[in-house]
């Protein structure tokens, strides 16, 4: 397995509390990605993140993925809807 950089919880928390919030894409060690379009859809714990998946228009989550922070290798900022309109 290749060496990789695992995200720290405090780094993710900083991204979640920024004003205005910028949507994020989490990249995992297995190549899976998760788009975080609202800060309430990601809960950062000491050693893992709980990711709300399948969020509907009302903000209701279909299911939760529990992922070790060790497997979050990269975070990408996504364009917000307002930025895409410009």
PDB file of N, CA and C in Angstrom:
ATOM      1  N   UNK A   1       0.846  -1.189   0.000  1.00  0.00           N
ATOM      2  CA  UNK A   1       0.000   0.000   0.000  1.00  0.00           C
ATOM      3  C   UNK A   1       0.882   1.240   0.000  1.00  0.00           C
ATOM      4  N   UNK A   2       0.501   2.220  -0.769  1.00  0.00           N
ATOM      5  CA  UNK A   2       1.271   3.460  -0.852  1.00  0.00           C
ATOM      6  C   UNK A   2       1.147   4.252   0.442  1.00  0.00           C
ATOM      7  N   UNK A   3       2.216   5.005   0.737  1.00  0.00           N
ATOM      8  CA  UNK A   3       2.121   5.942   1.855  1.00  0.00           C
ATOM      9  C   UNK A   3       1.132   7.023   1.472  1.00  0.00           C
ATOM     10  N   UNK A   4       0.347   7.458   2.430  1.00  0.00           N
ATOM     11  CA  UNK A   4      -0.608   8.521   2.156  1.00  0.00           C
ATOM     12  C   UNK A   4      -0.760   9.387   3.390  1.00  0.00           C
ATOM     13  N   UNK A   5      -1.287  10.545   3.171  1.00  0.00           N
ATOM     14  CA  UNK A   5      -1.526  11.497   4.244  1.00  0.00           C
ATOM     15  C   UNK A   5      -2.959  11.342   4.715  1.00  0.00           C
ATOM     16  N   UNK A   6      -3.141  11.067   5.986  1.00  0.00           N
ATOM     17  CA  UNK A   6      -4.489  10.981   6.553  1.00  0.00           C
ATOM     18  C   UNK A   6      -4.868  12.338   7.132  1.00  0.00           C
ATOM     19  N   UNK A   7      -6.100  12.736   6.904  1.00  0.00           N
ATOM     20  CA  UNK A   7      -6.598  14.008   7.435  1.00  0.00           C
ATOM     21  C   UNK A   7      -6.725  13.924   8.948  1.00  0.00           C
ATOM     22  N   UNK A   8      -6.516  15.051   9.587  1.00  0.00           N
ATOM     23  CA  UNK A   8      -6.757  15.153  11.025  1.00  0.00           C
ATOM     24  C   UNK A   8      -8.152  15.731  11.220  1.00  0.00           C
ATOM     25  N   UNK A   9      -8.775  15.343  12.320  1.00  0.00           N
ATOM     26  CA  UNK A   9     -10.118  15.817  12.618  1.00  0.00           C
ATOM     27  C   UNK A   9     -10.213  17.320  12.710  1.00  0.00           C
ATOM     28  N   UNK A  10      -9.197  17.951  13.318  1.00  0.00           N
ATOM     29  CA  UNK A  10      -9.253  19.409  13.465  1.00  0.00           C
ATOM     30  C   UNK A  10      -9.171  20.111  12.114  1.00  0.00           C
ATOM     31  N   UNK A  11      -8.479  19.508  11.150  1.00  0.00           N
ATOM     32  CA  UNK A  11      -8.416  20.089   9.806  1.00  0.00           C
ATOM     33  C   UNK A  11      -9.794  20.059   9.142  1.00  0.00           C
ATOM     34  N   UNK A  12     -10.486  18.952   9.281  1.00  0.00           N
ATOM     35  CA  UNK A  12     -11.831  18.857   8.707  1.00  0.00           C
ATOM     36  C   UNK A  12     -12.798  19.807   9.403  1.00  0.00           C
ATOM     37  N   UNK A  13     -12.702  19.902  10.725  1.00  0.00           N
ATOM     38  CA  UNK A  13     -13.587  20.808  11.471  1.00  0.00           C
ATOM     39  C   UNK A  13     -13.411  22.247  10.996  1.00  0.00           C
ATOM     40  N   UNK A  14     -12.173  22.659  10.751  1.00  0.00           N
ATOM     41  CA  UNK A  14     -11.918  24.018  10.261  1.00  0.00           C
ATOM     42  C   UNK A  14     -12.640  24.266   8.942  1.00  0.00           C
ATOM     43  N   UNK A  15     -12.637  23.280   8.065  1.00  0.00           N
ATOM     44  CA  UNK A  15     -13.318  23.429   6.776  1.00  0.00           C
ATOM     45  C   UNK A  15     -14.835  23.499   6.944  1.00  0.00           C
ATOM     46  N   UNK A  16     -15.366  22.805   7.939  1.00  0.00           N
ATOM     47  CA  UNK A  16     -16.817  22.782   8.152  1.00  0.00           C
ATOM     48  C   UNK A  16     -17.363  24.067   8.746  1.00  0.00           C
ATOM     49  N   UNK A  17     -16.557  24.776   9.534  1.00  0.00           N
ATOM     50  CA  UNK A  17     -17.065  25.969  10.222  1.00  0.00           C
ATOM     51  C   UNK A  17     -16.782  27.262   9.464  1.00  0.00           C
ATOM     52  N   UNK A  18     -16.108  27.176   8.329  1.00  0.00           N
ATOM     53  CA  UNK A  18     -15.839  28.393   7.555  1.00  0.00           C
ATOM     54  C   UNK A  18     -17.132  29.057   7.129  1.00  0.00           C
ATOM     55  N   UNK A  19     -17.115  30.370   7.116  1.00  0.00           N
ATOM     56  CA  UNK A  19     -18.268  31.157   6.667  1.00  0.00           C
ATOM     57  C   UNK A  19     -17.840  31.977   5.463  1.00  0.00           C
ATOM     58  N   UNK A  20     -18.498  31.858   4.334  1.00  0.00           N
ATOM     59  CA  UNK A  20     -19.558  30.888   4.064  1.00  0.00           C
ATOM     60  C   UNK A  20     -18.955  29.494   3.874  1.00  0.00           C
ATOM     61  N   UNK A  21     -19.785  28.487   4.114  1.00  0.00           N
ATOM     62  CA  UNK A  21     -19.357  27.103   3.926  1.00  0.00           C
ATOM     63  C   UNK A  21     -19.127  26.837   2.441  1.00  0.00           C
ATOM     64  N   UNK A  22     -18.029  26.165   2.135  1.00  0.00           N
ATOM     65  CA  UNK A  22     -17.723  25.759   0.760  1.00  0.00           C
ATOM     66  C   UNK A  22     -17.907  24.240   0.678  1.00  0.00           C
ATOM     67  N   UNK A  23     -18.764  23.747  -0.219  1.00  0.00           N
ATOM     68  CA  UNK A  23     -18.960  22.300  -0.349  1.00  0.00           C
ATOM     69  C   UNK A  23     -17.633  21.577  -0.584  1.00  0.00           C
ATOM     70  N   UNK A  24     -17.550  20.348  -0.084  1.00  0.00           N
ATOM     71  CA  UNK A  24     -16.308  19.583  -0.106  1.00  0.00           C
ATOM     72  C   UNK A  24     -16.516  18.214  -0.736  1.00  0.00           C
ATOM     73  N   UNK A  25     -15.433  17.655  -1.255  1.00  0.00           N
ATOM     74  CA  UNK A  25     -15.420  16.253  -1.697  1.00  0.00           C
ATOM     75  C   UNK A  25     -14.309  15.550  -0.924  1.00  0.00           C
ATOM     76  N   UNK A  26     -14.677  14.511  -0.182  1.00  0.00           N
ATOM     77  CA  UNK A  26     -13.716  13.712   0.558  1.00  0.00           C
ATOM     78  C   UNK A  26     -13.267  12.548  -0.311  1.00  0.00           C
ATOM     79  N   UNK A  27     -11.955  12.354  -0.421  1.00  0.00           N
ATOM     80  CA  UNK A  27     -11.373  11.249  -1.179  1.00  0.00           C
ATOM     81  C   UNK A  27     -10.835  10.224  -0.182  1.00  0.00           C
ATOM     82  N   UNK A  28     -11.249   8.973  -0.357  1.00  0.00           N
ATOM     83  CA  UNK A  28     -10.869   7.901   0.554  1.00  0.00           C
ATOM     84  C   UNK A  28      -9.752   7.046  -0.056  1.00  0.00           C
ATOM     85  N   UNK A  29      -9.092   6.250   0.787  1.00  0.00           N
ATOM     86  CA  UNK A  29      -7.980   5.418   0.326  1.00  0.00           C
ATOM     87  C   UNK A  29      -8.385   4.427  -0.760  1.00  0.00           C
ATOM     88  N   UNK A  30      -9.640   3.990  -0.772  1.00  0.00           N
ATOM     89  CA  UNK A  30     -10.084   3.008  -1.773  1.00  0.00           C
ATOM     90  C   UNK A  30     -10.605   3.658  -3.056  1.00  0.00           C
ATOM     91  N   UNK A  31     -10.491   4.989  -3.143  1.00  0.00           N
ATOM     92  CA  UNK A  31     -10.943   5.702  -4.334  1.00  0.00           C
ATOM     93  C   UNK A  31     -12.365   6.226  -4.250  1.00  0.00           C
ATOM     94  N   UNK A  32     -13.099   5.832  -3.219  1.00  0.00           N
ATOM     95  CA  UNK A  32     -14.458   6.335  -3.017  1.00  0.00           C
ATOM     96  C   UNK A  32     -14.408   7.827  -2.717  1.00  0.00           C
ATOM     97  N   UNK A  33     -15.410   8.562  -3.199  1.00  0.00           N
ATOM     98  CA  UNK A  33     -15.526   9.981  -2.857  1.00  0.00           C
ATOM     99  C   UNK A  33     -16.897  10.235  -2.246  1.00  0.00           C
ATOM    100  N   UNK A  34     -16.949  11.235  -1.373  1.00  0.00           N
ATOM    101  CA  UNK A  34     -18.196  11.664  -0.754  1.00  0.00           C
ATOM    102  C   UNK A  34     -18.296  13.175  -0.890  1.00  0.00           C
ATOM    103  N   UNK A  35     -19.399  13.660  -1.455  1.00  0.00           N
ATOM    104  CA  UNK A  35     -19.630  15.096  -1.567  1.00  0.00           C
ATOM    105  C   UNK A  35     -20.380  15.576  -0.337  1.00  0.00           C
ATOM    106  N   UNK A  36     -19.839  16.608   0.297  1.00  0.00           N
ATOM    107  CA  UNK A  36     -20.444  17.213   1.482  1.00  0.00           C
ATOM    108  C   UNK A  36     -20.961  18.579   1.052  1.00  0.00           C
ATOM    109  N   UNK A  37     -22.267  18.684   0.851  1.00  0.00           N
ATOM    110  CA  UNK A  37     -22.869  19.924   0.353  1.00  0.00           C
ATOM    111  C   UNK A  37     -23.378  20.823   1.471  1.00  0.00           C
ATOM    112  N   UNK A  38     -23.433  20.296   2.694  1.00  0.00           N
ATOM    113  CA  UNK A  38     -23.867  21.085   3.856  1.00  0.00           C
ATOM    114  C   UNK A  38     -23.055  20.604   5.058  1.00  0.00           C
ATOM    115  N   UNK A  39     -22.606  21.517   5.915  1.00  0.00           N
ATOM    116  CA  UNK A  39     -21.757  21.099   7.040  1.00  0.00           C
ATOM    117  C   UNK A  39     -22.435  20.119   7.995  1.00  0.00           C
ATOM    118  N   UNK A  40     -23.756  20.102   8.034  1.00  0.00           N
ATOM    119  CA  UNK A  40     -24.456  19.160   8.913  1.00  0.00           C
ATOM    120  C   UNK A  40     -24.377  17.717   8.415  1.00  0.00           C
ATOM    121  N   UNK A  41     -23.896  17.517   7.200  1.00  0.00           N
ATOM    122  CA  UNK A  41     -23.814  16.165   6.641  1.00  0.00           C
ATOM    123  C   UNK A  41     -22.497  15.460   6.947  1.00  0.00           C
ATOM    124  N   UNK A  42     -21.662  16.087   7.781  1.00  0.00           N
ATOM    125  CA  UNK A  42     -20.400  15.465   8.181  1.00  0.00           C
ATOM    126  C   UNK A  42     -20.195  15.710   9.667  1.00  0.00           C
ATOM    127  N   UNK A  43     -20.046  14.635  10.418  1.00  0.00           N
ATOM    128  CA  UNK A  43     -19.751  14.734  11.848  1.00  0.00           C
ATOM    129  C   UNK A  43     -18.340  14.215  12.049  1.00  0.00           C
ATOM    130  N   UNK A  44     -17.494  15.051  12.650  1.00  0.00           N
ATOM    131  CA  UNK A  44     -16.100  14.683  12.886  1.00  0.00           C
ATOM    132  C   UNK A  44     -15.947  14.234  14.330  1.00  0.00           C
ATOM    133  N   UNK A  45     -15.482  13.006  14.512  1.00  0.00           N
ATOM    134  CA  UNK A  45     -15.207  12.442  15.829  1.00  0.00           C
ATOM    135  C   UNK A  45     -13.691  12.299  15.992  1.00  0.00           C
ATOM    136  N   UNK A  46     -13.249  11.770  17.115  1.00  0.00           N
ATOM    137  CA  UNK A  46     -11.809  11.641  17.367  1.00  0.00           C
ATOM    138  C   UNK A  46     -11.081  10.839  16.298  1.00  0.00           C
ATOM    139  N   UNK A  47     -11.635   9.708  15.935  1.00  0.00           N
ATOM    140  CA  UNK A  47     -10.910   8.833  15.017  1.00  0.00           C
ATOM    141  C   UNK A  47     -11.688   8.489  13.750  1.00  0.00           C
ATOM    142  N   UNK A  48     -12.890   9.051  13.597  1.00  0.00           N
ATOM    143  CA  UNK A  48     -13.679   8.744  12.406  1.00  0.00           C
ATOM    144  C   UNK A  48     -14.546   9.931  12.015  1.00  0.00           C
ATOM    145  N   UNK A  49     -15.113   9.821  10.821  1.00  0.00           N
ATOM    146  CA  UNK A  49     -16.113  10.778  10.357  1.00  0.00           C
ATOM    147  C   UNK A  49     -17.377  10.000  10.030  1.00  0.00           C
ATOM    148  N   UNK A  50     -18.515  10.588  10.361  1.00  0.00           N
ATOM    149  CA  UNK A  50     -19.816  10.035  10.003  1.00  0.00           C
ATOM    150  C   UNK A  50     -20.355  10.907   8.878  1.00  0.00           C
ATOM    151  N   UNK A  51     -20.614  10.295   7.732  1.00  0.00           N
ATOM    152  CA  UNK A  51     -20.975  11.025   6.520  1.00  0.00           C
ATOM    153  C   UNK A  51     -22.418  10.712   6.147  1.00  0.00           C
ATOM    154  N   UNK A  52     -23.238  11.758   6.084  1.00  0.00           N
ATOM    155  CA  UNK A  52     -24.616  11.606   5.630  1.00  0.00           C
ATOM    156  C   UNK A  52     -24.633  11.435   4.124  1.00  0.00           C
ATOM    157  N   UNK A  53     -25.228  10.348   3.647  1.00  0.00           N
ATOM    158  CA  UNK A  53     -25.234  10.013   2.220  1.00  0.00           C
ATOM    159  C   UNK A  53     -26.678   9.944   1.731  1.00  0.00           C
ATOM    160  N   UNK A  54     -26.887  10.374   0.502  1.00  0.00           N
ATOM    161  CA  UNK A  54     -28.227  10.320  -0.077  1.00  0.00           C
ATOM    162  C   UNK A  54     -29.145  11.366   0.526  1.00  0.00           C
ATOM    163  N   UNK A  55     -28.660  12.596   0.617  1.00  0.00           N
ATOM    164  CA  UNK A  55     -29.426  13.684   1.227  1.00  0.00           C
ATOM    165  C   UNK A  55     -30.454  14.204   0.229  1.00  0.00           C
ATOM    166  N   UNK A  56     -31.718  14.283   0.663  1.00  0.00           N
ATOM    167  CA  UNK A  56     -32.761  14.785  -0.237  1.00  0.00           C
ATOM    168  C   UNK A  56     -32.887  16.308  -0.136  1.00  0.00           C
ATOM    169  N   UNK A  57     -33.808  16.887  -0.881  1.00  0.00           N
ATOM    170  CA  UNK A  57     -33.978  18.346  -0.948  1.00  0.00           C
ATOM    171  C   UNK A  57     -34.317  18.960   0.403  1.00  0.00           C
ATOM    172  N   UNK A  58     -34.901  18.170   1.305  1.00  0.00           N
ATOM    173  CA  UNK A  58     -35.248  18.679   2.643  1.00  0.00           C
ATOM    174  C   UNK A  58     -34.097  18.543   3.626  1.00  0.00           C
ATOM    175  N   UNK A  59     -32.992  17.931   3.172  1.00  0.00           N
ATOM    176  CA  UNK A  59     -31.849  17.728   4.049  1.00  0.00           C
ATOM    177  C   UNK A  59     -31.899  16.440   4.844  1.00  0.00           C
ATOM    178  N   UNK A  60     -32.827  15.540   4.487  1.00  0.00           N
ATOM    179  CA  UNK A  60     -32.960  14.265   5.188  1.00  0.00           C
ATOM    180  C   UNK A  60     -31.969  13.263   4.586  1.00  0.00           C
ATOM    181  N   UNK A  61     -31.193  12.624   5.461  1.00  0.00           N
ATOM    182  CA  UNK A  61     -30.155  11.682   5.053  1.00  0.00           C
ATOM    183  C   UNK A  61     -30.746  10.285   4.870  1.00  0.00           C
ATOM    184  N   UNK A  62     -30.347   9.611   3.784  1.00  0.00           N
ATOM    185  CA  UNK A  62     -30.803   8.250   3.509  1.00  0.00           C
ATOM    186  C   UNK A  62     -30.063   7.228   4.372  1.00  0.00           C
ATOM    187  N   UNK A  63     -28.746   7.415   4.497  1.00  0.00           N
ATOM    188  CA  UNK A  63     -27.938   6.502   5.304  1.00  0.00           C
ATOM    189  C   UNK A  63     -26.670   7.226   5.764  1.00  0.00           C
ATOM    190  N   UNK A  64     -25.943   6.579   6.665  1.00  0.00           N
ATOM    191  CA  UNK A  64     -24.701   7.150   7.185  1.00  0.00           C
ATOM    192  C   UNK A  64     -23.561   6.179   6.918  1.00  0.00           C
ATOM    193  N   UNK A  65     -22.452   6.716   6.411  1.00  0.00           N
ATOM    194  CA  UNK A  65     -21.220   5.940   6.238  1.00  0.00           C
ATOM    195  C   UNK A  65     -20.285   6.327   7.378  1.00  0.00           C
ATOM    196  N   UNK A  66     -19.715   5.332   8.043  1.00  0.00           N
ATOM    197  CA  UNK A  66     -18.775   5.553   9.135  1.00  0.00           C
ATOM    198  C   UNK A  66     -17.383   5.238   8.607  1.00  0.00           C
ATOM    199  N   UNK A  67     -16.509   6.249   8.570  1.00  0.00           N
ATOM    200  CA  UNK A  67     -15.185   6.079   7.969  1.00  0.00           C
ATOM    201  C   UNK A  67     -14.098   6.526   8.937  1.00  0.00           C
ATOM    202  N   UNK A  68     -13.048   5.738   9.018  1.00  0.00           N
ATOM    203  CA  UNK A  68     -11.895   6.108   9.823  1.00  0.00           C
ATOM    204  C   UNK A  68     -11.227   7.332   9.204  1.00  0.00           C
ATOM    205  N   UNK A  69     -10.781   8.251  10.047  1.00  0.00           N
ATOM    206  CA  UNK A  69     -10.044   9.416   9.540  1.00  0.00           C
ATOM    207  C   UNK A  69      -8.787   8.987   8.792  1.00  0.00           C
ATOM    208  N   UNK A  70      -8.237   7.830   9.139  1.00  0.00           N
ATOM    209  CA  UNK A  70      -7.042   7.330   8.457  1.00  0.00           C
ATOM    210  C   UNK A  70      -7.288   7.109   6.969  1.00  0.00           C
ATOM    211  N   UNK A  71      -8.540   6.935   6.583  1.00  0.00           N
ATOM    212  CA  UNK A  71      -8.861   6.658   5.181  1.00  0.00           C
ATOM    213  C   UNK A  71      -9.241   7.903   4.380  1.00  0.00           C
ATOM    214  N   UNK A  72      -9.320   9.052   5.035  1.00  0.00           N
ATOM    215  CA  UNK A  72      -9.577  10.310   4.318  1.00  0.00           C
ATOM    216  C   UNK A  72      -8.219  10.857   3.893  1.00  0.00           C
ATOM    217  N   UNK A  73      -7.916  10.756   2.594  1.00  0.00           N
ATOM    218  CA  UNK A  73      -6.583  11.125   2.119  1.00  0.00           C
ATOM    219  C   UNK A  73      -6.522  12.497   1.458  1.00  0.00           C
ATOM    220  N   UNK A  74      -7.677  13.005   1.051  1.00  0.00           N
ATOM    221  CA  UNK A  74      -7.667  14.316   0.390  1.00  0.00           C
ATOM    222  C   UNK A  74      -9.048  14.926   0.485  1.00  0.00           C
ATOM    223  N   UNK A  75      -9.070  16.257   0.572  1.00  0.00           N
ATOM    224  CA  UNK A  75     -10.331  16.997   0.555  1.00  0.00           C
ATOM    225  C   UNK A  75     -10.236  18.032  -0.551  1.00  0.00           C
ATOM    226  N   UNK A  76     -11.250  18.046  -1.388  1.00  0.00           N
ATOM    227  CA  UNK A  76     -11.309  18.965  -2.526  1.00  0.00           C
ATOM    228  C   UNK A  76     -12.474  19.925  -2.311  1.00  0.00           C
ATOM    229  N   UNK A  77     -12.236  21.205  -2.564  1.00  0.00           N
ATOM    230  CA  UNK A  77     -13.331  22.178  -2.501  1.00  0.00           C
ATOM    231  C   UNK A  77     -14.132  22.108  -3.791  1.00  0.00           C
ATOM    232  N   UNK A  78     -15.447  22.074  -3.661  1.00  0.00           N
ATOM    233  CA  UNK A  78     -16.340  22.083  -4.818  1.00  0.00           C
ATOM    234  C   UNK A  78     -16.888  23.483  -5.002  1.00  0.00           C
ATOM    235  N   UNK A  79     -17.248  23.812  -6.217  1.00  0.00           N
ATOM    236  CA  UNK A  79     -17.874  25.108  -6.458  1.00  0.00           C
ATOM    237  C   UNK A  79     -19.262  25.103  -5.856  1.00  0.00           C
ATOM    238  N   UNK A  80     -19.631  26.206  -5.245  1.00  0.00           N
ATOM    239  CA  UNK A  80     -20.993  26.327  -4.730  1.00  0.00           C
ATOM    240  C   UNK A  80     -21.929  26.608  -5.901  1.00  0.00           C
ATOM    241  N   UNK A  81     -23.213  26.416  -5.682  1.00  0.00           N
ATOM    242  CA  UNK A  81     -24.208  26.651  -6.736  1.00  0.00           C
ATOM    243  C   UNK A  81     -24.156  28.087  -7.224  1.00  0.00           C
ATOM    244  N   UNK A  82     -23.951  29.051  -6.323  1.00  0.00           N
ATOM    245  CA  UNK A  82     -23.909  30.459  -6.727  1.00  0.00           C
ATOM    246  C   UNK A  82     -22.681  30.750  -7.572  1.00  0.00           C
ATOM    247  N   UNK A  83     -21.548  30.090  -7.287  1.00  0.00           N
ATOM    248  CA  UNK A  83     -20.339  30.305  -8.075  1.00  0.00           C
ATOM    249  C   UNK A  83     -20.504  29.722  -9.474  1.00  0.00           C
ATOM    250  N   UNK A  84     -21.250  28.620  -9.595  1.00  0.00           N
ATOM    251  CA  UNK A  84     -21.452  27.995 -10.897  1.00  0.00           C
ATOM    252  C   UNK A  84     -22.321  28.849 -11.805  1.00  0.00           C
ATOM    253  N   UNK A  85     -23.158  29.695 -11.227  1.00  0.00           N
ATOM    254  CA  UNK A  85     -24.031  30.553 -12.024  1.00  0.00           C
ATOM    255  C   UNK A  85     -23.283  31.736 -12.617  1.00  0.00           C
ATOM    256  N   UNK A  86     -22.137  32.080 -12.067  1.00  0.00           N
ATOM    257  CA  UNK A  86     -21.369  33.241 -12.548  1.00  0.00           C
ATOM    258  C   UNK A  86     -20.531  32.898 -13.744  1.00  0.00           C
TER     259      UNK A  86
END
